[in-house]
Amino acid sequence: MLMLAAVTLALAPWHGTSFPTATPNAAKYKLAVRGAANQPVRLEAGGLPRGWVASFCTPTFCSPFRYEMTLDSRGAGWVEFQVIRTDDSAPKHAGVTVWAEGARVRLKI
């Protein structure tokens, strides 16, 4: 039987240059993930109103609303997480919830 460690998530402001796949006008965060070594983790985001998109970005692509990663040999991983207003008629501000199966808490911003 495979035992997986609890997953922890942490958001911090994005610093430095964004990935080339990121949207320039998005609100950007570094999403750090911790768990067991080599553990697969499925990240999801939701709770946004119409006209908004949440996206998990790597240097090669962005995945809207969900992303699957495998943690490294130390049980760590991270992605650039962004929230993008895609419609001028959408609310100017919106909250989003980020979670992973097995995570202790859901992050809300």
N, C-alpha and C. Protein backbone atom coordinates (compact mmCIF):
# COMPACT_ATOMS: atom_id res chain seq x y z
N MET A 1 0.84 -1.17 0.00
CA MET A 1 0.00 0.00 0.00
C MET A 1 0.89 1.24 0.00
N LEU A 2 0.60 2.17 -0.91
CA LEU A 2 1.36 3.40 -1.05
C LEU A 2 0.85 4.44 -0.07
N MET A 3 1.72 4.96 0.78
CA MET A 3 1.35 6.01 1.73
C MET A 3 1.91 7.34 1.22
N LEU A 4 1.04 8.32 1.09
CA LEU A 4 1.47 9.63 0.64
C LEU A 4 1.41 10.61 1.80
N ALA A 5 2.38 11.50 1.84
CA ALA A 5 2.41 12.54 2.87
C ALA A 5 1.35 13.58 2.57
N ALA A 6 0.89 14.26 3.60
CA ALA A 6 -0.04 15.36 3.40
C ALA A 6 0.64 16.41 2.52
N VAL A 7 -0.14 17.02 1.68
CA VAL A 7 0.36 18.04 0.77
C VAL A 7 0.16 19.41 1.43
N THR A 8 1.15 20.27 1.34
CA THR A 8 1.00 21.65 1.79
C THR A 8 1.20 22.58 0.61
N LEU A 9 0.46 23.66 0.60
CA LEU A 9 0.52 24.66 -0.46
C LEU A 9 0.84 26.01 0.17
N ALA A 10 1.62 26.82 -0.54
CA ALA A 10 1.93 28.17 -0.07
C ALA A 10 2.00 29.11 -1.27
N LEU A 11 1.34 30.26 -1.17
CA LEU A 11 1.38 31.28 -2.21
C LEU A 11 2.21 32.46 -1.73
N ALA A 12 3.01 33.00 -2.63
CA ALA A 12 3.78 34.21 -2.34
C ALA A 12 3.77 35.07 -3.59
N PRO A 13 3.97 36.36 -3.45
CA PRO A 13 4.03 37.21 -4.65
C PRO A 13 5.13 36.72 -5.59
N TRP A 14 4.88 36.83 -6.87
CA TRP A 14 5.89 36.45 -7.88
C TRP A 14 6.92 37.56 -7.96
N HIS A 15 8.21 37.20 -7.90
CA HIS A 15 9.29 38.16 -8.04
C HIS A 15 10.15 37.75 -9.23
N GLY A 16 10.65 38.72 -9.92
CA GLY A 16 11.52 38.43 -11.05
C GLY A 16 10.75 38.34 -12.35
N THR A 17 11.43 37.84 -13.35
CA THR A 17 10.87 37.73 -14.68
C THR A 17 9.87 36.58 -14.74
N SER A 18 8.75 36.83 -15.37
CA SER A 18 7.75 35.78 -15.55
C SER A 18 8.19 34.83 -16.65
N PHE A 19 7.61 33.65 -16.64
CA PHE A 19 7.87 32.70 -17.71
C PHE A 19 7.36 33.27 -19.04
N PRO A 20 7.94 32.86 -20.16
CA PRO A 20 7.47 33.36 -21.46
C PRO A 20 6.04 32.93 -21.77
N THR A 21 5.52 31.93 -21.08
CA THR A 21 4.16 31.45 -21.31
C THR A 21 3.12 32.26 -20.53
N ALA A 22 3.55 33.07 -19.58
CA ALA A 22 2.64 33.81 -18.70
C ALA A 22 2.00 34.99 -19.43
N THR A 23 0.84 35.39 -18.95
CA THR A 23 0.12 36.54 -19.49
C THR A 23 0.65 37.81 -18.81
N PRO A 24 1.05 38.81 -19.59
CA PRO A 24 1.69 40.00 -19.00
C PRO A 24 0.84 40.73 -17.96
N ASN A 25 -0.47 40.83 -18.14
CA ASN A 25 -1.31 41.63 -17.23
C ASN A 25 -1.93 40.82 -16.10
N ALA A 26 -1.53 39.60 -15.92
CA ALA A 26 -2.11 38.74 -14.88
C ALA A 26 -1.56 39.10 -13.50
N ALA A 27 -2.35 38.79 -12.47
CA ALA A 27 -1.85 38.82 -11.10
C ALA A 27 -1.05 37.52 -10.94
N LYS A 28 0.21 37.60 -10.52
CA LYS A 28 1.10 36.44 -10.52
C LYS A 28 1.60 36.11 -9.13
N TYR A 29 1.67 34.79 -8.87
CA TYR A 29 2.11 34.27 -7.58
C TYR A 29 3.03 33.07 -7.80
N LYS A 30 3.90 32.84 -6.84
CA LYS A 30 4.66 31.59 -6.81
C LYS A 30 3.87 30.63 -5.92
N LEU A 31 3.48 29.50 -6.48
CA LEU A 31 2.75 28.48 -5.73
C LEU A 31 3.73 27.35 -5.42
N ALA A 32 4.10 27.24 -4.14
CA ALA A 32 5.02 26.19 -3.69
C ALA A 32 4.20 25.02 -3.14
N VAL A 33 4.65 23.82 -3.47
CA VAL A 33 3.96 22.59 -3.07
C VAL A 33 4.96 21.70 -2.36
N ARG A 34 4.56 21.13 -1.22
CA ARG A 34 5.41 20.20 -0.46
C ARG A 34 4.62 18.93 -0.18
N GLY A 35 5.33 17.82 -0.14
CA GLY A 35 4.73 16.53 0.16
C GLY A 35 5.83 15.49 0.23
N ALA A 36 5.53 14.27 -0.14
CA ALA A 36 6.51 13.18 -0.14
C ALA A 36 7.38 13.26 -1.39
N ALA A 37 8.57 12.71 -1.30
CA ALA A 37 9.47 12.65 -2.46
C ALA A 37 8.77 11.94 -3.61
N ASN A 38 8.86 12.53 -4.79
CA ASN A 38 8.33 11.96 -6.04
C ASN A 38 6.82 11.74 -6.03
N GLN A 39 6.12 12.44 -5.16
CA GLN A 39 4.67 12.30 -5.05
C GLN A 39 3.96 13.03 -6.19
N PRO A 40 3.01 12.40 -6.85
CA PRO A 40 2.20 13.11 -7.83
C PRO A 40 1.17 13.99 -7.11
N VAL A 41 0.96 15.20 -7.62
CA VAL A 41 0.01 16.14 -7.02
C VAL A 41 -0.82 16.76 -8.13
N ARG A 42 -2.14 16.76 -7.93
CA ARG A 42 -3.04 17.41 -8.88
C ARG A 42 -3.54 18.70 -8.23
N LEU A 43 -3.14 19.83 -8.82
CA LEU A 43 -3.56 21.14 -8.35
C LEU A 43 -4.81 21.58 -9.09
N GLU A 44 -5.70 22.27 -8.39
CA GLU A 44 -6.90 22.80 -9.02
C GLU A 44 -7.19 24.18 -8.48
N ALA A 45 -7.87 24.99 -9.29
CA ALA A 45 -8.27 26.34 -8.90
C ALA A 45 -9.71 26.55 -9.31
N GLY A 46 -10.46 27.28 -8.50
CA GLY A 46 -11.85 27.55 -8.83
C GLY A 46 -12.40 28.69 -8.01
N GLY A 47 -13.68 28.93 -8.20
CA GLY A 47 -14.36 29.98 -7.45
C GLY A 47 -14.31 31.34 -8.11
N LEU A 48 -13.78 31.42 -9.31
CA LEU A 48 -13.71 32.70 -10.01
C LEU A 48 -15.02 32.99 -10.73
N PRO A 49 -15.39 34.27 -10.82
CA PRO A 49 -16.58 34.60 -11.60
C PRO A 49 -16.29 34.50 -13.11
N ARG A 50 -17.36 34.53 -13.91
CA ARG A 50 -17.19 34.54 -15.37
C ARG A 50 -16.29 35.70 -15.77
N GLY A 51 -15.48 35.47 -16.78
CA GLY A 51 -14.58 36.51 -17.25
C GLY A 51 -13.22 36.49 -16.59
N TRP A 52 -12.96 35.48 -15.77
CA TRP A 52 -11.66 35.31 -15.12
C TRP A 52 -11.16 33.88 -15.36
N VAL A 53 -9.85 33.73 -15.45
CA VAL A 53 -9.21 32.42 -15.63
C VAL A 53 -8.05 32.31 -14.65
N ALA A 54 -7.92 31.15 -14.02
CA ALA A 54 -6.75 30.84 -13.20
C ALA A 54 -5.87 29.90 -14.02
N SER A 55 -4.56 30.07 -13.93
CA SER A 55 -3.67 29.27 -14.75
C SER A 55 -2.40 28.91 -13.99
N PHE A 56 -1.94 27.68 -14.16
CA PHE A 56 -0.70 27.18 -13.59
C PHE A 56 0.33 27.17 -14.73
N CYS A 57 1.43 27.91 -14.59
CA CYS A 57 2.38 28.06 -15.69
C CYS A 57 3.76 27.50 -15.37
N THR A 58 4.34 26.88 -16.38
CA THR A 58 5.73 26.42 -16.36
C THR A 58 6.46 27.19 -17.46
N PRO A 59 7.75 26.98 -17.63
CA PRO A 59 8.46 27.68 -18.71
C PRO A 59 7.96 27.29 -20.11
N THR A 60 7.26 26.16 -20.25
CA THR A 60 6.86 25.71 -21.59
C THR A 60 5.37 25.76 -21.88
N PHE A 61 4.50 25.86 -20.86
CA PHE A 61 3.06 25.95 -21.12
C PHE A 61 2.32 26.43 -19.88
N CYS A 62 1.07 26.87 -20.10
CA CYS A 62 0.17 27.22 -19.01
C CYS A 62 -1.05 26.32 -19.09
N SER A 63 -1.51 25.87 -17.94
CA SER A 63 -2.64 24.96 -17.85
C SER A 63 -3.77 25.65 -17.08
N PRO A 64 -4.91 25.94 -17.74
CA PRO A 64 -5.99 26.62 -17.05
C PRO A 64 -6.72 25.72 -16.06
N PHE A 65 -6.90 26.24 -14.85
CA PHE A 65 -7.71 25.66 -13.78
C PHE A 65 -7.19 24.36 -13.15
N ARG A 66 -6.31 23.62 -13.79
CA ARG A 66 -5.77 22.42 -13.14
C ARG A 66 -4.39 22.10 -13.73
N TYR A 67 -3.59 21.43 -12.90
CA TYR A 67 -2.23 21.07 -13.32
C TYR A 67 -1.77 19.88 -12.49
N GLU A 68 -1.12 18.95 -13.13
CA GLU A 68 -0.55 17.80 -12.43
C GLU A 68 0.97 17.89 -12.45
N MET A 69 1.56 17.70 -11.28
CA MET A 69 3.02 17.74 -11.16
C MET A 69 3.49 16.56 -10.33
N THR A 70 4.75 16.23 -10.47
CA THR A 70 5.39 15.25 -9.59
C THR A 70 6.44 16.00 -8.80
N LEU A 71 6.37 15.88 -7.48
CA LEU A 71 7.33 16.56 -6.62
C LEU A 71 8.72 15.97 -6.81
N ASP A 72 9.74 16.74 -6.53
CA ASP A 72 11.11 16.28 -6.72
C ASP A 72 11.53 15.31 -5.61
N SER A 73 12.78 14.93 -5.61
CA SER A 73 13.28 13.93 -4.66
C SER A 73 13.28 14.44 -3.21
N ARG A 74 13.11 15.74 -3.01
CA ARG A 74 13.00 16.32 -1.66
C ARG A 74 11.54 16.59 -1.29
N GLY A 75 10.61 16.25 -2.18
CA GLY A 75 9.20 16.48 -1.91
C GLY A 75 8.76 17.91 -2.15
N ALA A 76 9.40 18.60 -3.09
CA ALA A 76 9.08 20.00 -3.36
C ALA A 76 8.78 20.22 -4.84
N GLY A 77 7.98 21.21 -5.10
CA GLY A 77 7.69 21.64 -6.47
C GLY A 77 7.09 23.03 -6.43
N TRP A 78 7.07 23.70 -7.57
CA TRP A 78 6.45 25.02 -7.64
C TRP A 78 6.09 25.35 -9.07
N VAL A 79 5.13 26.25 -9.22
CA VAL A 79 4.72 26.76 -10.51
C VAL A 79 4.40 28.25 -10.36
N GLU A 80 4.34 28.94 -11.47
CA GLU A 80 3.84 30.31 -11.48
C GLU A 80 2.31 30.20 -11.60
N PHE A 81 1.61 30.74 -10.63
CA PHE A 81 0.15 30.71 -10.64
C PHE A 81 -0.33 32.10 -10.97
N GLN A 82 -1.26 32.20 -11.91
CA GLN A 82 -1.75 33.52 -12.28
C GLN A 82 -3.27 33.56 -12.38
N VAL A 83 -3.81 34.73 -12.13
CA VAL A 83 -5.23 34.98 -12.23
C VAL A 83 -5.41 36.09 -13.26
N ILE A 84 -6.23 35.82 -14.29
CA ILE A 84 -6.31 36.70 -15.44
C ILE A 84 -7.76 37.14 -15.68
N ARG A 85 -7.97 38.42 -15.78
CA ARG A 85 -9.29 38.95 -16.17
C ARG A 85 -9.34 38.94 -17.69
N THR A 86 -10.27 38.17 -18.25
CA THR A 86 -10.33 37.96 -19.70
C THR A 86 -11.47 38.71 -20.38
N ASP A 87 -12.32 39.36 -19.59
CA ASP A 87 -13.49 40.04 -20.15
C ASP A 87 -13.64 41.38 -19.44
N ASP A 88 -13.71 42.46 -20.23
CA ASP A 88 -13.83 43.80 -19.65
C ASP A 88 -15.10 43.98 -18.83
N SER A 89 -16.13 43.16 -19.08
CA SER A 89 -17.37 43.28 -18.32
C SER A 89 -17.34 42.47 -17.02
N ALA A 90 -16.28 41.71 -16.80
CA ALA A 90 -16.14 40.91 -15.57
C ALA A 90 -15.85 41.83 -14.39
N PRO A 91 -16.17 41.38 -13.17
CA PRO A 91 -15.81 42.19 -12.00
C PRO A 91 -14.33 42.54 -12.02
N LYS A 92 -14.00 43.73 -11.53
CA LYS A 92 -12.59 44.16 -11.57
C LYS A 92 -11.72 43.40 -10.58
N HIS A 93 -12.31 42.85 -9.54
CA HIS A 93 -11.57 42.08 -8.54
C HIS A 93 -12.29 40.76 -8.32
N ALA A 94 -11.53 39.71 -8.10
CA ALA A 94 -12.13 38.39 -7.89
C ALA A 94 -11.24 37.58 -6.97
N GLY A 95 -11.86 36.69 -6.21
CA GLY A 95 -11.12 35.76 -5.36
C GLY A 95 -11.03 34.41 -6.05
N VAL A 96 -10.04 33.65 -5.67
CA VAL A 96 -9.85 32.31 -6.24
C VAL A 96 -9.41 31.38 -5.11
N THR A 97 -9.78 30.12 -5.22
CA THR A 97 -9.36 29.09 -4.27
C THR A 97 -8.47 28.09 -4.99
N VAL A 98 -7.35 27.73 -4.37
CA VAL A 98 -6.41 26.75 -4.93
C VAL A 98 -6.34 25.58 -3.96
N TRP A 99 -6.40 24.36 -4.49
CA TRP A 99 -6.33 23.19 -3.63
C TRP A 99 -5.67 22.03 -4.36
N ALA A 100 -5.32 21.01 -3.57
CA ALA A 100 -4.78 19.75 -4.08
C ALA A 100 -5.37 18.63 -3.24
N GLU A 101 -5.62 17.50 -3.85
CA GLU A 101 -6.11 16.36 -3.09
C GLU A 101 -5.09 16.02 -2.01
N GLY A 102 -5.55 15.83 -0.80
CA GLY A 102 -4.65 15.52 0.31
C GLY A 102 -4.05 16.72 0.99
N ALA A 103 -4.37 17.93 0.49
CA ALA A 103 -3.82 19.13 1.11
C ALA A 103 -4.54 19.42 2.41
N ARG A 104 -3.83 19.96 3.36
CA ARG A 104 -4.40 20.28 4.68
C ARG A 104 -5.37 21.45 4.61
N VAL A 105 -5.08 22.41 3.76
CA VAL A 105 -5.94 23.59 3.63
C VAL A 105 -6.08 23.97 2.18
N ARG A 106 -7.10 24.76 1.90
CA ARG A 106 -7.27 25.38 0.60
C ARG A 106 -6.79 26.81 0.71
N LEU A 107 -6.09 27.30 -0.29
CA LEU A 107 -5.62 28.68 -0.30
C LEU A 107 -6.66 29.55 -0.96
N LYS A 108 -6.94 30.69 -0.37
CA LYS A 108 -7.88 31.65 -0.96
C LYS A 108 -7.18 32.98 -1.12
N ILE A 109 -7.30 33.54 -2.31
CA ILE A 109 -6.76 34.90 -2.55
C ILE A 109 -7.82 35.73 -3.22
